[in-house]
N, C-alpha and C. Protein backbone atom coordinates (compact mmCIF):
# COMPACT_ATOMS: atom_id res chain seq x y z
N MET A 1 -4.48 -22.64 2.86
CA MET A 1 -3.04 -22.65 3.06
C MET A 1 -2.37 -21.93 1.90
N SER A 2 -1.42 -21.13 2.20
CA SER A 2 -0.72 -20.34 1.19
C SER A 2 0.18 -21.22 0.33
N ASP A 3 0.22 -20.92 -0.97
CA ASP A 3 1.13 -21.64 -1.87
C ASP A 3 2.58 -21.34 -1.54
N SER A 4 2.84 -20.29 -0.76
CA SER A 4 4.23 -19.94 -0.43
C SER A 4 4.84 -20.95 0.54
N ARG A 5 4.04 -21.89 1.02
CA ARG A 5 4.54 -22.92 1.94
C ARG A 5 4.39 -24.31 1.33
N LYS A 6 4.30 -24.39 0.00
CA LYS A 6 4.12 -25.67 -0.68
C LYS A 6 5.49 -26.28 -1.01
N ILE A 7 5.69 -27.50 -0.55
CA ILE A 7 6.98 -28.18 -0.68
C ILE A 7 6.80 -29.45 -1.52
N LEU A 8 7.73 -29.68 -2.43
CA LEU A 8 7.77 -30.94 -3.17
C LEU A 8 8.79 -31.84 -2.48
N VAL A 9 8.32 -33.00 -2.05
CA VAL A 9 9.19 -34.00 -1.42
C VAL A 9 9.51 -35.05 -2.48
N VAL A 10 10.79 -35.18 -2.82
CA VAL A 10 11.23 -36.14 -3.83
C VAL A 10 12.01 -37.22 -3.10
N GLU A 11 11.35 -38.37 -2.93
CA GLU A 11 11.91 -39.44 -2.09
C GLU A 11 11.37 -40.78 -2.56
N ASP A 12 12.25 -41.76 -2.74
CA ASP A 12 11.81 -43.07 -3.20
C ASP A 12 11.60 -44.07 -2.06
N ASP A 13 12.10 -43.80 -0.88
CA ASP A 13 11.95 -44.71 0.25
C ASP A 13 10.65 -44.40 0.99
N GLU A 14 9.77 -45.39 1.06
CA GLU A 14 8.43 -45.19 1.64
C GLU A 14 8.49 -44.74 3.10
N GLN A 15 9.34 -45.36 3.92
CA GLN A 15 9.43 -45.00 5.34
C GLN A 15 9.92 -43.56 5.53
N THR A 16 10.91 -43.19 4.75
CA THR A 16 11.43 -41.82 4.84
C THR A 16 10.38 -40.83 4.36
N LEU A 17 9.67 -41.18 3.31
CA LEU A 17 8.61 -40.32 2.80
C LEU A 17 7.52 -40.10 3.85
N LEU A 18 7.10 -41.16 4.51
CA LEU A 18 6.09 -41.03 5.56
C LEU A 18 6.60 -40.17 6.72
N PHE A 19 7.85 -40.35 7.08
CA PHE A 19 8.45 -39.58 8.17
C PHE A 19 8.49 -38.09 7.83
N ILE A 20 8.98 -37.77 6.64
CA ILE A 20 9.04 -36.36 6.21
C ILE A 20 7.63 -35.78 6.12
N SER A 21 6.69 -36.54 5.58
CA SER A 21 5.31 -36.08 5.45
C SER A 21 4.74 -35.70 6.82
N GLN A 22 4.98 -36.54 7.81
CA GLN A 22 4.47 -36.26 9.15
C GLN A 22 5.10 -35.00 9.74
N ILE A 23 6.39 -34.83 9.53
CA ILE A 23 7.08 -33.62 10.01
C ILE A 23 6.45 -32.38 9.37
N LEU A 24 6.24 -32.42 8.06
CA LEU A 24 5.67 -31.27 7.36
C LEU A 24 4.24 -30.99 7.81
N GLU A 25 3.44 -32.05 7.96
CA GLU A 25 2.06 -31.87 8.44
C GLU A 25 2.04 -31.25 9.83
N ASN A 26 2.94 -31.70 10.70
CA ASN A 26 2.99 -31.16 12.06
C ASN A 26 3.33 -29.68 12.10
N HIS A 27 3.95 -29.17 11.04
CA HIS A 27 4.33 -27.76 10.98
C HIS A 27 3.51 -26.99 9.95
N ASP A 28 2.38 -27.56 9.56
CA ASP A 28 1.42 -26.90 8.66
C ASP A 28 1.97 -26.54 7.30
N TYR A 29 2.86 -27.36 6.78
CA TYR A 29 3.34 -27.15 5.41
C TYR A 29 2.50 -28.01 4.47
N GLN A 30 2.15 -27.42 3.36
CA GLN A 30 1.48 -28.15 2.29
C GLN A 30 2.58 -28.86 1.50
N PHE A 31 2.32 -30.08 1.01
CA PHE A 31 3.37 -30.76 0.26
C PHE A 31 2.80 -31.64 -0.83
N MET A 32 3.64 -31.88 -1.82
CA MET A 32 3.37 -32.80 -2.91
C MET A 32 4.48 -33.85 -2.87
N VAL A 33 4.27 -34.96 -3.56
CA VAL A 33 5.24 -36.06 -3.52
C VAL A 33 5.60 -36.50 -4.93
N ALA A 34 6.87 -36.77 -5.12
CA ALA A 34 7.36 -37.46 -6.33
C ALA A 34 8.30 -38.55 -5.85
N ARG A 35 8.17 -39.74 -6.42
CA ARG A 35 8.94 -40.89 -5.94
C ARG A 35 10.21 -41.17 -6.75
N ASP A 36 10.47 -40.34 -7.77
CA ASP A 36 11.73 -40.44 -8.51
C ASP A 36 11.99 -39.11 -9.19
N GLY A 37 13.19 -38.98 -9.73
CA GLY A 37 13.60 -37.72 -10.32
C GLY A 37 12.81 -37.30 -11.54
N ALA A 38 12.47 -38.27 -12.40
CA ALA A 38 11.70 -37.95 -13.60
C ALA A 38 10.33 -37.40 -13.23
N ALA A 39 9.67 -38.05 -12.27
CA ALA A 39 8.36 -37.58 -11.81
C ALA A 39 8.47 -36.21 -11.16
N ALA A 40 9.56 -35.97 -10.44
CA ALA A 40 9.76 -34.67 -9.79
C ALA A 40 9.77 -33.53 -10.81
N LEU A 41 10.48 -33.73 -11.90
CA LEU A 41 10.54 -32.68 -12.92
C LEU A 41 9.16 -32.43 -13.54
N GLU A 42 8.41 -33.50 -13.76
CA GLU A 42 7.05 -33.35 -14.30
C GLU A 42 6.17 -32.56 -13.35
N VAL A 43 6.22 -32.91 -12.06
CA VAL A 43 5.40 -32.23 -11.05
C VAL A 43 5.79 -30.75 -10.97
N MET A 44 7.08 -30.47 -10.93
CA MET A 44 7.55 -29.08 -10.82
C MET A 44 7.10 -28.23 -12.00
N LYS A 45 7.13 -28.80 -13.19
CA LYS A 45 6.73 -28.04 -14.37
C LYS A 45 5.22 -27.78 -14.38
N ALA A 46 4.44 -28.73 -13.87
CA ALA A 46 2.99 -28.58 -13.84
C ALA A 46 2.52 -27.68 -12.71
N ASP A 47 3.19 -27.74 -11.57
CA ASP A 47 2.77 -27.00 -10.38
C ASP A 47 3.99 -26.64 -9.55
N PRO A 48 4.71 -25.58 -9.92
CA PRO A 48 5.97 -25.24 -9.24
C PRO A 48 5.79 -25.05 -7.73
N PRO A 49 6.60 -25.75 -6.94
CA PRO A 49 6.54 -25.60 -5.48
C PRO A 49 7.36 -24.39 -5.02
N SER A 50 7.25 -24.10 -3.74
CA SER A 50 8.05 -23.03 -3.13
C SER A 50 9.43 -23.52 -2.73
N LEU A 51 9.55 -24.85 -2.57
CA LEU A 51 10.79 -25.47 -2.10
C LEU A 51 10.77 -26.95 -2.50
N VAL A 52 11.95 -27.50 -2.77
CA VAL A 52 12.07 -28.92 -3.08
C VAL A 52 13.00 -29.58 -2.06
N LEU A 53 12.51 -30.65 -1.44
CA LEU A 53 13.34 -31.53 -0.62
C LEU A 53 13.72 -32.68 -1.53
N LEU A 54 14.98 -32.75 -1.92
CA LEU A 54 15.42 -33.61 -3.01
C LEU A 54 16.40 -34.68 -2.53
N ASP A 55 15.96 -35.94 -2.59
CA ASP A 55 16.84 -37.06 -2.29
C ASP A 55 17.89 -37.14 -3.40
N ILE A 56 19.08 -37.56 -3.07
CA ILE A 56 20.15 -37.63 -4.07
C ILE A 56 20.14 -38.96 -4.81
N MET A 57 20.00 -40.06 -4.09
CA MET A 57 20.07 -41.38 -4.72
C MET A 57 18.66 -41.91 -4.95
N MET A 58 18.22 -41.87 -6.23
CA MET A 58 16.87 -42.29 -6.60
C MET A 58 16.88 -43.00 -7.94
N PRO A 59 15.79 -43.74 -8.22
CA PRO A 59 15.67 -44.38 -9.54
C PRO A 59 15.29 -43.37 -10.62
N ARG A 60 15.45 -43.76 -11.86
CA ARG A 60 15.11 -43.02 -13.08
C ARG A 60 15.98 -41.79 -13.28
N LYS A 61 15.99 -40.85 -12.37
CA LYS A 61 16.90 -39.70 -12.43
C LYS A 61 17.35 -39.41 -11.01
N SER A 62 18.64 -39.30 -10.83
CA SER A 62 19.16 -38.99 -9.50
C SER A 62 18.85 -37.55 -9.13
N GLY A 63 18.98 -37.25 -7.85
CA GLY A 63 18.80 -35.88 -7.40
C GLY A 63 19.81 -34.94 -8.05
N VAL A 64 21.00 -35.43 -8.31
CA VAL A 64 22.02 -34.62 -8.97
C VAL A 64 21.55 -34.24 -10.38
N THR A 65 21.00 -35.19 -11.12
CA THR A 65 20.50 -34.92 -12.47
C THR A 65 19.32 -33.96 -12.43
N VAL A 66 18.41 -34.16 -11.47
CA VAL A 66 17.27 -33.25 -11.33
C VAL A 66 17.77 -31.83 -11.07
N TYR A 67 18.72 -31.71 -10.15
CA TYR A 67 19.29 -30.39 -9.83
C TYR A 67 19.88 -29.74 -11.08
N GLN A 68 20.65 -30.50 -11.83
CA GLN A 68 21.28 -29.96 -13.04
C GLN A 68 20.22 -29.50 -14.05
N GLN A 69 19.17 -30.28 -14.22
CA GLN A 69 18.13 -29.91 -15.17
C GLN A 69 17.33 -28.70 -14.68
N MET A 70 17.12 -28.59 -13.38
CA MET A 70 16.42 -27.43 -12.83
C MET A 70 17.20 -26.14 -13.10
N THR A 71 18.52 -26.20 -12.97
CA THR A 71 19.32 -24.98 -13.16
C THR A 71 19.33 -24.51 -14.61
N LYS A 72 18.95 -25.38 -15.54
CA LYS A 72 18.92 -25.01 -16.96
C LYS A 72 17.53 -24.59 -17.43
N ASP A 73 16.54 -24.66 -16.54
CA ASP A 73 15.16 -24.34 -16.89
C ASP A 73 14.76 -23.02 -16.23
N ASP A 74 14.39 -22.03 -17.03
CA ASP A 74 14.06 -20.71 -16.49
C ASP A 74 12.93 -20.75 -15.47
N LYS A 75 11.99 -21.66 -15.64
CA LYS A 75 10.84 -21.77 -14.74
C LYS A 75 11.23 -22.44 -13.41
N LEU A 76 12.23 -23.30 -13.44
CA LEU A 76 12.57 -24.09 -12.25
C LEU A 76 13.82 -23.61 -11.51
N LYS A 77 14.69 -22.87 -12.17
CA LYS A 77 15.99 -22.57 -11.55
C LYS A 77 15.92 -21.68 -10.32
N LYS A 78 14.80 -21.01 -10.11
CA LYS A 78 14.68 -20.13 -8.94
C LYS A 78 14.08 -20.85 -7.73
N ILE A 79 13.67 -22.09 -7.90
CA ILE A 79 13.07 -22.85 -6.79
C ILE A 79 14.18 -23.30 -5.85
N PRO A 80 14.10 -22.96 -4.57
CA PRO A 80 15.13 -23.41 -3.62
C PRO A 80 15.10 -24.92 -3.44
N ILE A 81 16.28 -25.49 -3.20
CA ILE A 81 16.45 -26.93 -3.03
C ILE A 81 17.20 -27.22 -1.74
N ILE A 82 16.67 -28.21 -1.00
CA ILE A 82 17.42 -28.78 0.11
C ILE A 82 17.66 -30.24 -0.25
N PHE A 83 18.93 -30.63 -0.38
CA PHE A 83 19.25 -32.03 -0.61
C PHE A 83 19.00 -32.80 0.69
N VAL A 84 18.37 -33.95 0.56
CA VAL A 84 18.16 -34.85 1.68
C VAL A 84 18.84 -36.16 1.29
N THR A 85 19.83 -36.59 2.08
CA THR A 85 20.61 -37.74 1.65
C THR A 85 21.03 -38.65 2.79
N GLY A 86 21.06 -39.91 2.47
CA GLY A 86 21.62 -40.90 3.38
C GLY A 86 22.98 -41.38 2.88
N ALA A 87 23.51 -40.68 1.88
CA ALA A 87 24.77 -41.11 1.27
C ALA A 87 25.91 -41.14 2.28
N SER A 88 25.94 -40.20 3.20
CA SER A 88 27.03 -40.19 4.18
C SER A 88 27.00 -41.44 5.03
N GLU A 89 25.80 -41.82 5.46
CA GLU A 89 25.66 -43.00 6.31
C GLU A 89 25.97 -44.28 5.54
N VAL A 90 25.50 -44.35 4.31
CA VAL A 90 25.67 -45.56 3.49
C VAL A 90 27.12 -45.74 3.06
N THR A 91 27.78 -44.66 2.67
CA THR A 91 29.11 -44.77 2.10
C THR A 91 30.24 -44.52 3.10
N GLY A 92 29.92 -43.85 4.21
CA GLY A 92 30.96 -43.52 5.17
C GLY A 92 31.75 -42.29 4.81
N VAL A 93 31.28 -41.54 3.79
CA VAL A 93 31.93 -40.29 3.40
C VAL A 93 30.96 -39.15 3.68
N ASP A 94 31.39 -38.19 4.49
CA ASP A 94 30.55 -37.04 4.83
C ASP A 94 30.33 -36.20 3.57
N MET A 95 29.07 -36.03 3.18
CA MET A 95 28.76 -35.31 1.94
C MET A 95 29.02 -33.81 2.04
N GLN A 96 29.15 -33.30 3.25
CA GLN A 96 29.45 -31.88 3.40
C GLN A 96 30.94 -31.60 3.41
N THR A 97 31.71 -32.47 4.06
CA THR A 97 33.14 -32.20 4.22
C THR A 97 34.05 -33.10 3.39
N GLY A 98 33.55 -34.28 3.02
CA GLY A 98 34.38 -35.25 2.31
C GLY A 98 35.18 -36.15 3.24
N ASP A 99 35.06 -35.93 4.56
CA ASP A 99 35.78 -36.75 5.53
C ASP A 99 35.24 -38.18 5.53
N GLU A 100 36.13 -39.15 5.77
CA GLU A 100 35.74 -40.56 5.82
C GLU A 100 35.64 -41.04 7.25
N LYS A 101 34.65 -41.91 7.49
CA LYS A 101 34.60 -42.64 8.75
C LYS A 101 35.65 -43.74 8.66
N PRO A 102 36.15 -44.22 9.80
CA PRO A 102 37.14 -45.30 9.76
C PRO A 102 36.58 -46.54 9.05
N LYS A 103 37.42 -47.19 8.28
CA LYS A 103 37.04 -48.40 7.56
C LYS A 103 37.10 -49.59 8.50
N GLU A 104 36.08 -50.44 8.37
CA GLU A 104 36.04 -51.64 9.21
C GLU A 104 36.23 -52.91 8.41
N THR A 105 35.88 -52.89 7.12
CA THR A 105 35.98 -54.10 6.29
C THR A 105 36.51 -53.71 4.91
N TYR A 106 36.86 -54.72 4.14
CA TYR A 106 37.30 -54.45 2.77
C TYR A 106 36.17 -53.88 1.92
N ALA A 107 34.93 -54.26 2.22
CA ALA A 107 33.78 -53.72 1.47
C ALA A 107 33.66 -52.21 1.65
N ASP A 108 34.19 -51.69 2.76
CA ASP A 108 34.14 -50.25 2.99
C ASP A 108 34.91 -49.48 1.93
N ASP A 109 35.96 -50.10 1.36
CA ASP A 109 36.72 -49.42 0.30
C ASP A 109 35.82 -49.09 -0.88
N PHE A 110 34.98 -50.05 -1.28
CA PHE A 110 34.05 -49.85 -2.39
C PHE A 110 33.04 -48.76 -2.04
N ALA A 111 32.46 -48.83 -0.84
CA ALA A 111 31.49 -47.83 -0.40
C ALA A 111 32.12 -46.44 -0.37
N ARG A 112 33.34 -46.34 0.12
CA ARG A 112 34.01 -45.03 0.18
C ARG A 112 34.22 -44.47 -1.23
N GLY A 113 34.54 -45.36 -2.18
CA GLY A 113 34.71 -44.92 -3.56
C GLY A 113 33.43 -44.31 -4.11
N ILE A 114 32.31 -44.96 -3.84
CA ILE A 114 31.02 -44.41 -4.28
C ILE A 114 30.73 -43.10 -3.56
N GLY A 115 31.04 -43.06 -2.28
CA GLY A 115 30.82 -41.83 -1.50
C GLY A 115 31.60 -40.65 -2.06
N HIS A 116 32.86 -40.87 -2.41
CA HIS A 116 33.67 -39.79 -2.97
C HIS A 116 33.16 -39.39 -4.35
N MET A 117 32.66 -40.36 -5.13
CA MET A 117 32.09 -40.04 -6.44
C MET A 117 30.86 -39.13 -6.28
N ILE A 118 29.99 -39.46 -5.32
CA ILE A 118 28.81 -38.62 -5.07
C ILE A 118 29.23 -37.25 -4.57
N LYS A 119 30.17 -37.21 -3.65
CA LYS A 119 30.65 -35.94 -3.10
C LYS A 119 31.24 -35.07 -4.22
N ASP A 120 32.01 -35.68 -5.12
CA ASP A 120 32.58 -34.94 -6.25
C ASP A 120 31.49 -34.34 -7.13
N LYS A 121 30.41 -35.10 -7.36
CA LYS A 121 29.30 -34.59 -8.17
C LYS A 121 28.61 -33.43 -7.48
N LEU A 122 28.56 -33.44 -6.15
CA LEU A 122 27.89 -32.37 -5.41
C LEU A 122 28.72 -31.09 -5.35
N ASP A 123 30.04 -31.23 -5.46
CA ASP A 123 30.90 -30.04 -5.41
C ASP A 123 30.54 -29.10 -6.55
N GLY A 124 30.44 -27.85 -6.24
CA GLY A 124 30.08 -26.86 -7.24
C GLY A 124 28.59 -26.57 -7.27
N PHE A 125 27.79 -27.44 -6.67
CA PHE A 125 26.35 -27.18 -6.59
C PHE A 125 26.10 -26.20 -5.45
N THR A 126 25.05 -25.45 -5.57
CA THR A 126 24.71 -24.49 -4.53
C THR A 126 23.27 -24.66 -4.06
N PRO A 127 22.94 -25.83 -3.51
CA PRO A 127 21.59 -25.96 -2.95
C PRO A 127 21.47 -25.05 -1.74
N HIS A 128 20.27 -24.85 -1.27
CA HIS A 128 20.04 -23.98 -0.13
C HIS A 128 20.28 -24.71 1.19
N GLY A 129 20.56 -25.99 1.12
CA GLY A 129 20.84 -26.74 2.34
C GLY A 129 21.03 -28.21 2.04
N LEU A 130 21.53 -28.92 3.03
CA LEU A 130 21.71 -30.36 2.95
C LEU A 130 21.32 -30.93 4.30
N VAL A 131 20.44 -31.92 4.29
CA VAL A 131 20.00 -32.58 5.52
C VAL A 131 20.36 -34.05 5.39
N GLU A 132 21.03 -34.57 6.41
CA GLU A 132 21.47 -35.96 6.42
C GLU A 132 20.37 -36.87 6.95
N LYS A 133 20.31 -38.09 6.40
CA LYS A 133 19.48 -39.15 6.96
C LYS A 133 20.33 -39.93 7.93
N PRO A 134 19.81 -40.44 9.01
CA PRO A 134 18.44 -40.30 9.45
C PRO A 134 18.13 -38.84 9.80
N ILE A 135 16.92 -38.44 9.42
CA ILE A 135 16.52 -37.04 9.53
C ILE A 135 16.19 -36.69 10.98
N ASP A 136 16.75 -35.57 11.41
CA ASP A 136 16.44 -35.00 12.72
C ASP A 136 15.38 -33.92 12.46
N PRO A 137 14.13 -34.11 12.91
CA PRO A 137 13.07 -33.16 12.59
C PRO A 137 13.39 -31.69 12.85
N PRO A 138 13.98 -31.33 14.01
CA PRO A 138 14.31 -29.91 14.21
C PRO A 138 15.31 -29.36 13.18
N VAL A 139 16.24 -30.20 12.74
CA VAL A 139 17.21 -29.76 11.73
C VAL A 139 16.48 -29.51 10.41
N LEU A 140 15.62 -30.45 9.99
CA LEU A 140 14.88 -30.28 8.75
C LEU A 140 14.00 -29.03 8.79
N ILE A 141 13.23 -28.87 9.85
CA ILE A 141 12.34 -27.70 9.96
C ILE A 141 13.16 -26.42 10.03
N GLY A 142 14.29 -26.45 10.71
CA GLY A 142 15.15 -25.26 10.77
C GLY A 142 15.63 -24.84 9.39
N LYS A 143 16.03 -25.82 8.56
CA LYS A 143 16.48 -25.51 7.19
C LYS A 143 15.32 -24.95 6.37
N ILE A 144 14.13 -25.56 6.53
CA ILE A 144 12.97 -25.08 5.78
C ILE A 144 12.62 -23.65 6.19
N LYS A 145 12.64 -23.37 7.49
CA LYS A 145 12.29 -22.04 7.98
C LYS A 145 13.29 -20.97 7.55
N GLU A 146 14.52 -21.38 7.24
CA GLU A 146 15.49 -20.43 6.72
C GLU A 146 15.07 -19.94 5.33
N ILE A 147 14.27 -20.75 4.63
CA ILE A 147 13.88 -20.44 3.24
C ILE A 147 12.44 -19.95 3.13
N LEU A 148 11.54 -20.64 3.84
CA LEU A 148 10.12 -20.31 3.77
C LEU A 148 9.65 -19.68 5.07
N PRO A 149 8.69 -18.77 4.99
CA PRO A 149 8.17 -18.16 6.22
C PRO A 149 7.40 -19.15 7.09
């Protein structure tokens, strides 16, 4: 298998990781796994992938922090990134547009605040794509195929 199809999956949720792994295997992509942002940076420096599928909300280092550190590293800044996030579903704020879903409870106010904070952090970033959780396999593969052959 060509290294030009090697993907680093950075995901802390076991079920999501298994789901993404199966999608990649079904489409003959080689992949590596990191379960948090700190491990992702170590893996990338040791064995740079062709593409990174990067969860935003993770332990140790968030996807936002990983992205920022990648852009400052000459070896890593050219690696394409697709953000994979469930933040829109969890917070009710669309990470692409900033639009809010209707609020149903007072707790939604707190979630919306976190959602807008994450959206604000993402503004100005230029990843090669964003895929929302729950992941739709054709959408994920379509984004990957836009970047990798």
